[in-house]
Amino acid sequence: PPSYSSAADKFPVLYFLSGLTCTHENFTIKSGMQRIAAQHGMVVVSPDTSPRGSDHPKEHDDWDFGSGAGFYLDATNAPWSENYRMYSYVTRELLEAISGNFNVSEEKRALSGHSMGGHGSLVIFMKNPHLFKCCTALAPISNPCQGLWGVKAFSNYFGEDRAVWADWDATELAGKFTADTPANILVCQGDTDKFLEKELLTGNFVEVAKGNSCLNVDYRLREGYDHFYPYIATFLHEHFEYIAKFIC
């Protein structure tokens, strides 16, 4: 924000998780988020999407698995369990590094993400509602136990035990989520997204989440919009406005 360098108060902070193939740069370069964040006086943190430089066998072979596709989980299958621990990175190491080195509030955090990052946002938030005031997701991978991208990733990162998979699936988590007060989530989805039916399965999450009184889900279907950055840039301001209600 413009007043960051001179402000005495700590700033609210949004952590944004990007999607498959992305680095930390995609969101900061393509979304136009700087103007919106400045308007709300909000710090934005955009981490990478996977570890880098480990060169495991097959790590760089496919765009939807391995490098650039860490899925914000803690892998249990070798060799991925050595360092594919993006869940622990985001929820512990990253939060500690940002809080320890920047003028941000530990009480005013929110989480958002796109596609694979939307999956990360939903899963991390429902596992850790005490860490974030709310979360949002744009075109999230919502039921990875059933979707093509998720099945490929989970079978490699976890093996074939689907009981383990379920603990990293937003739809599965939504069915058993409990809280003293409802957790606030915004999900938006383009209705012409070519990945909606086989990879994202956003409707599965929304249906289950809306049946759980412990989740307060605002679902917005975007007529005529697809999966990519023009869609993100068009509606990102609504996500900031939603988040600002809880942390600004």
Protein backbone atom coordinates (compact mmCIF):
# COMPACT_ATOMS: atom_id res chain seq x y z
CA PRO A 1 0.00 0.00 0.00
CA PRO A 2 1.16 3.61 -0.54
CA SER A 3 1.40 4.27 3.20
CA TYR A 4 3.34 1.10 4.02
CA SER A 5 6.72 2.67 4.68
CA SER A 6 5.41 5.30 7.10
CA ALA A 7 2.55 3.48 8.84
CA ALA A 8 2.75 2.54 12.49
CA ASP A 9 -0.13 0.06 12.36
CA LYS A 10 0.25 -3.42 10.94
CA PHE A 11 -1.39 -4.09 7.58
CA PRO A 12 -3.92 -6.75 6.65
CA VAL A 13 -2.38 -9.40 4.40
CA LEU A 14 -3.72 -11.59 1.61
CA TYR A 15 -1.91 -14.77 0.60
CA PHE A 16 -2.66 -15.67 -3.03
CA LEU A 17 -1.92 -19.18 -4.30
CA SER A 18 -1.41 -19.64 -8.03
CA GLY A 19 -2.30 -22.51 -10.34
CA LEU A 20 -0.67 -25.22 -12.42
CA THR A 21 2.52 -24.24 -14.30
CA CYS A 22 2.69 -20.88 -12.51
CA THR A 23 5.46 -19.31 -10.47
CA HIS A 24 5.14 -16.48 -7.95
CA GLU A 25 5.18 -14.04 -10.87
CA ASN A 26 2.00 -14.93 -12.77
CA PHE A 27 -0.42 -13.33 -10.34
CA THR A 28 1.71 -10.26 -9.67
CA ILE A 29 2.27 -9.55 -13.38
CA LYS A 30 -1.02 -10.55 -15.03
CA SER A 31 -3.82 -9.83 -12.57
CA GLY A 32 -3.61 -6.09 -12.01
CA MET A 33 -3.83 -6.72 -8.28
CA GLN A 34 -1.52 -3.87 -7.22
CA ARG A 35 -4.07 -1.13 -7.84
CA ILE A 36 -6.82 -3.02 -6.01
CA ALA A 37 -4.60 -3.94 -3.07
CA ALA A 38 -3.50 -0.30 -2.72
CA GLN A 39 -7.13 0.84 -2.64
CA HIS A 40 -7.81 -1.49 0.28
CA GLY A 41 -4.52 -0.87 2.09
CA MET A 42 -3.69 -4.55 1.84
CA VAL A 43 -0.35 -6.37 1.56
CA VAL A 44 -0.36 -9.28 -0.92
CA VAL A 45 1.96 -12.30 -0.76
CA SER A 46 2.29 -14.57 -3.80
CA PRO A 47 4.39 -17.70 -3.20
CA ASP A 48 5.65 -20.22 -5.74
CA THR A 49 3.58 -23.29 -6.63
CA SER A 50 6.11 -26.05 -5.92
CA PRO A 51 9.65 -26.68 -4.74
CA ARG A 52 12.34 -25.96 -7.33
CA GLY A 53 15.66 -27.57 -8.18
CA SER A 54 15.19 -31.03 -6.68
CA ASP A 55 15.13 -32.85 -10.07
CA HIS A 56 13.30 -35.96 -8.93
CA PRO A 57 12.66 -38.53 -11.70
CA LYS A 58 9.69 -37.37 -13.83
CA GLU A 59 9.47 -34.11 -11.88
CA HIS A 60 9.64 -31.96 -15.01
CA ASP A 61 7.99 -34.32 -17.54
CA ASP A 62 4.37 -33.09 -17.35
CA TRP A 63 2.85 -29.65 -16.90
CA ASP A 64 0.19 -30.92 -14.49
CA PHE A 65 2.43 -32.79 -12.07
CA GLY A 66 5.73 -32.12 -10.30
CA SER A 67 7.41 -28.76 -10.80
CA GLY A 68 4.82 -26.01 -10.91
CA ALA A 69 2.20 -28.43 -9.60
CA GLY A 70 2.82 -28.93 -5.88
CA PHE A 71 -0.92 -28.94 -5.05
CA TYR A 72 -0.31 -27.26 -1.66
CA LEU A 73 -0.12 -30.60 0.14
CA ASP A 74 2.44 -32.58 2.15
CA ALA A 75 3.39 -35.60 0.06
CA THR A 76 3.86 -38.95 1.77
CA ASN A 77 5.14 -40.98 -1.20
CA ALA A 78 8.88 -41.07 -1.98
CA PRO A 79 10.65 -39.20 -3.47
CA TRP A 80 8.07 -36.39 -3.24
CA SER A 81 7.87 -36.63 0.55
CA GLU A 82 11.44 -35.29 0.75
CA ASN A 83 10.45 -31.74 -0.16
CA TYR A 84 6.99 -31.54 -1.75
CA ARG A 85 5.52 -30.09 1.43
CA MET A 86 3.85 -26.93 0.20
CA TYR A 87 1.12 -27.18 2.81
CA SER A 88 3.64 -26.94 5.65
CA TYR A 89 5.51 -24.24 3.76
CA VAL A 90 2.44 -22.02 3.40
CA THR A 91 0.94 -22.61 6.85
CA ARG A 92 4.16 -22.41 8.87
CA GLU A 93 7.36 -21.29 7.16
CA LEU A 94 5.83 -18.65 4.88
CA LEU A 95 3.56 -17.16 7.55
CA GLU A 96 6.46 -16.95 9.99
CA ALA A 97 8.77 -15.37 7.42
CA ILE A 98 6.24 -12.72 6.39
CA SER A 99 5.18 -11.89 9.94
CA GLY A 100 8.78 -11.71 11.09
CA ASN A 101 10.05 -9.47 8.30
CA PHE A 102 7.15 -7.29 7.18
CA ASN A 103 4.70 -4.90 8.80
CA VAL A 104 1.66 -7.19 8.61
CA SER A 105 -0.94 -8.31 11.10
CA GLU A 106 -1.10 -11.92 12.26
CA GLU A 107 -4.76 -11.39 13.14
CA LYS A 108 -5.82 -9.98 9.76
CA ARG A 109 -4.94 -12.68 7.24
CA ALA A 110 -6.94 -13.99 4.30
CA LEU A 111 -6.31 -16.63 1.67
CA SER A 112 -7.19 -16.81 -2.02
CA GLY A 113 -6.15 -18.72 -5.09
CA HIS A 114 -6.86 -19.75 -8.67
CA SER A 115 -7.35 -23.28 -10.05
CA MET A 116 -4.81 -25.47 -8.21
CA GLY A 117 -4.31 -22.45 -5.95
CA GLY A 118 -8.05 -22.31 -5.39
CA HIS A 119 -7.82 -25.91 -4.22
CA GLY A 120 -4.99 -24.85 -1.91
CA SER A 121 -6.97 -21.91 -0.60
CA LEU A 122 -10.05 -23.99 0.24
CA VAL A 123 -8.16 -26.91 1.76
CA ILE A 124 -5.72 -24.84 3.80
CA PHE A 125 -8.52 -22.61 5.08
CA MET A 126 -10.77 -25.46 6.16
CA LYS A 127 -7.84 -27.18 7.86
CA ASN A 128 -6.77 -23.95 9.58
CA PRO A 129 -9.72 -21.58 10.10
CA HIS A 130 -7.85 -20.11 13.07
CA LEU A 131 -5.09 -18.80 10.79
CA PHE A 132 -7.25 -16.90 8.27
CA LYS A 133 -10.39 -14.77 8.58
CA CYS A 134 -11.80 -15.94 5.25
CA CYS A 135 -10.85 -17.43 1.91
CA THR A 136 -11.81 -17.08 -1.72
CA ALA A 137 -11.22 -19.23 -4.78
CA LEU A 138 -11.40 -18.59 -8.52
CA ALA A 139 -12.17 -21.65 -10.66
CA PRO A 140 -10.78 -24.01 -8.00
CA ILE A 141 -9.89 -27.66 -8.37
CA SER A 142 -12.67 -28.59 -5.99
CA ASN A 143 -12.93 -32.38 -5.87
CA PRO A 144 -9.47 -33.72 -6.74
CA CYS A 145 -10.29 -37.25 -5.62
CA GLN A 146 -12.59 -37.38 -8.66
CA GLY A 147 -11.00 -34.96 -11.15
CA LEU A 148 -8.34 -35.85 -13.70
CA TRP A 149 -5.65 -33.48 -12.41
CA GLY A 150 -6.22 -34.46 -8.80
CA VAL A 151 -6.19 -38.22 -9.37
CA LYS A 152 -2.88 -37.95 -11.22
CA ALA A 153 -1.31 -35.78 -8.54
CA PHE A 154 -2.66 -37.63 -5.52
CA SER A 155 -1.74 -41.10 -6.81
CA ASN A 156 1.86 -39.92 -7.18
CA TYR A 157 2.12 -37.80 -4.03
CA PHE A 158 0.20 -40.18 -1.73
CA GLY A 159 -0.02 -43.60 -3.38
CA GLU A 160 -3.33 -45.38 -3.85
CA ASP A 161 -4.90 -45.01 -0.41
CA ARG A 162 -7.94 -42.87 -1.12
CA ALA A 163 -8.60 -42.38 2.57
CA VAL A 164 -5.43 -40.28 2.59
CA TRP A 165 -6.55 -38.42 -0.53
CA ALA A 166 -9.81 -37.38 1.14
CA ASP A 167 -7.97 -35.29 3.72
CA TRP A 168 -6.72 -33.04 0.89
CA ASP A 169 -9.97 -32.73 -1.04
CA ALA A 170 -12.08 -29.59 -0.52
CA THR A 171 -15.37 -31.39 -1.19
CA GLU A 172 -14.55 -34.13 1.30
CA LEU A 173 -13.43 -31.59 3.90
CA ALA A 174 -16.56 -29.49 3.40
CA GLY A 175 -18.73 -32.45 4.35
CA LYS A 176 -17.12 -32.85 7.77
CA PHE A 177 -16.05 -29.29 8.58
CA THR A 178 -17.10 -28.05 12.01
CA ALA A 179 -16.68 -24.67 13.69
CA ASP A 180 -18.27 -22.63 16.47
CA THR A 181 -19.06 -19.85 13.98
CA PRO A 182 -19.54 -20.29 10.21
CA ALA A 183 -16.40 -19.95 8.10
CA ASN A 184 -16.70 -17.49 5.22
CA ILE A 185 -15.81 -18.55 1.67
CA LEU A 186 -16.30 -16.93 -1.74
CA VAL A 187 -16.07 -19.13 -4.84
CA CYS A 188 -16.49 -17.93 -8.38
CA GLN A 189 -16.44 -19.97 -11.56
CA GLY A 190 -16.72 -19.27 -15.28
CA ASP A 191 -19.50 -21.29 -16.87
CA THR A 192 -17.56 -21.83 -20.14
CA ASP A 193 -14.42 -23.08 -18.38
CA LYS A 194 -13.27 -26.09 -20.42
CA PHE A 195 -11.89 -27.75 -17.30
CA LEU A 196 -15.09 -27.48 -15.24
CA GLU A 197 -16.59 -30.91 -15.85
CA LYS A 198 -13.55 -33.22 -15.68
CA GLU A 199 -10.84 -31.41 -13.72
CA LEU A 200 -12.40 -28.78 -11.43
CA LEU A 201 -15.81 -30.16 -10.41
CA THR A 202 -16.60 -26.90 -8.62
CA GLY A 203 -20.27 -27.75 -8.33
CA ASN A 204 -19.50 -30.77 -6.16
CA PHE A 205 -17.85 -28.58 -3.54
CA VAL A 206 -20.57 -25.94 -3.64
CA GLU A 207 -23.33 -28.52 -3.21
CA VAL A 208 -21.68 -30.14 -0.20
CA ALA A 209 -20.54 -26.88 1.38
CA LYS A 210 -23.97 -25.27 1.12
CA GLY A 211 -25.35 -28.26 3.01
CA ASN A 212 -23.04 -27.59 5.94
CA SER A 213 -24.26 -24.86 8.32
CA CYS A 214 -20.69 -24.34 9.52
CA LEU A 215 -19.73 -22.98 6.10
CA ASN A 216 -21.02 -19.70 4.73
CA VAL A 217 -20.38 -20.03 0.98
CA ASP A 218 -21.01 -17.25 -1.53
CA TYR A 219 -20.98 -18.86 -5.00
CA ARG A 220 -20.90 -16.68 -8.12
CA LEU A 221 -21.20 -18.29 -11.57
CA ARG A 222 -19.76 -16.10 -14.32
CA GLU A 223 -21.68 -16.36 -17.58
CA GLY A 224 -19.44 -16.56 -20.66
CA TYR A 225 -16.11 -16.65 -18.80
CA ASP A 226 -13.41 -19.31 -19.01
CA HIS A 227 -10.46 -20.33 -16.84
CA PHE A 228 -7.69 -17.89 -17.59
CA TYR A 229 -6.24 -14.53 -16.53
CA PRO A 230 -8.70 -12.22 -18.34
CA TYR A 231 -11.37 -13.88 -16.18
CA ILE A 232 -9.26 -13.42 -13.05
CA ALA A 233 -8.52 -9.78 -13.81
CA THR A 234 -12.20 -9.07 -14.51
CA PHE A 235 -13.49 -10.28 -11.15
CA LEU A 236 -10.51 -9.94 -8.84
CA HIS A 237 -11.82 -6.69 -7.39
CA GLU A 238 -14.86 -8.56 -6.04
CA HIS A 239 -12.57 -10.94 -4.18
CA PHE A 240 -10.68 -8.06 -2.62
CA GLU A 241 -13.95 -6.40 -1.64
CA TYR A 242 -15.17 -9.61 -0.03
CA ILE A 243 -11.89 -10.17 1.82
CA ALA A 244 -11.74 -6.55 2.96
CA LYS A 245 -14.98 -7.03 4.92
CA PHE A 246 -13.15 -9.44 7.19
CA ILE A 247 -9.59 -8.10 7.49
CA CYS A 248 -9.62 -4.37 6.68
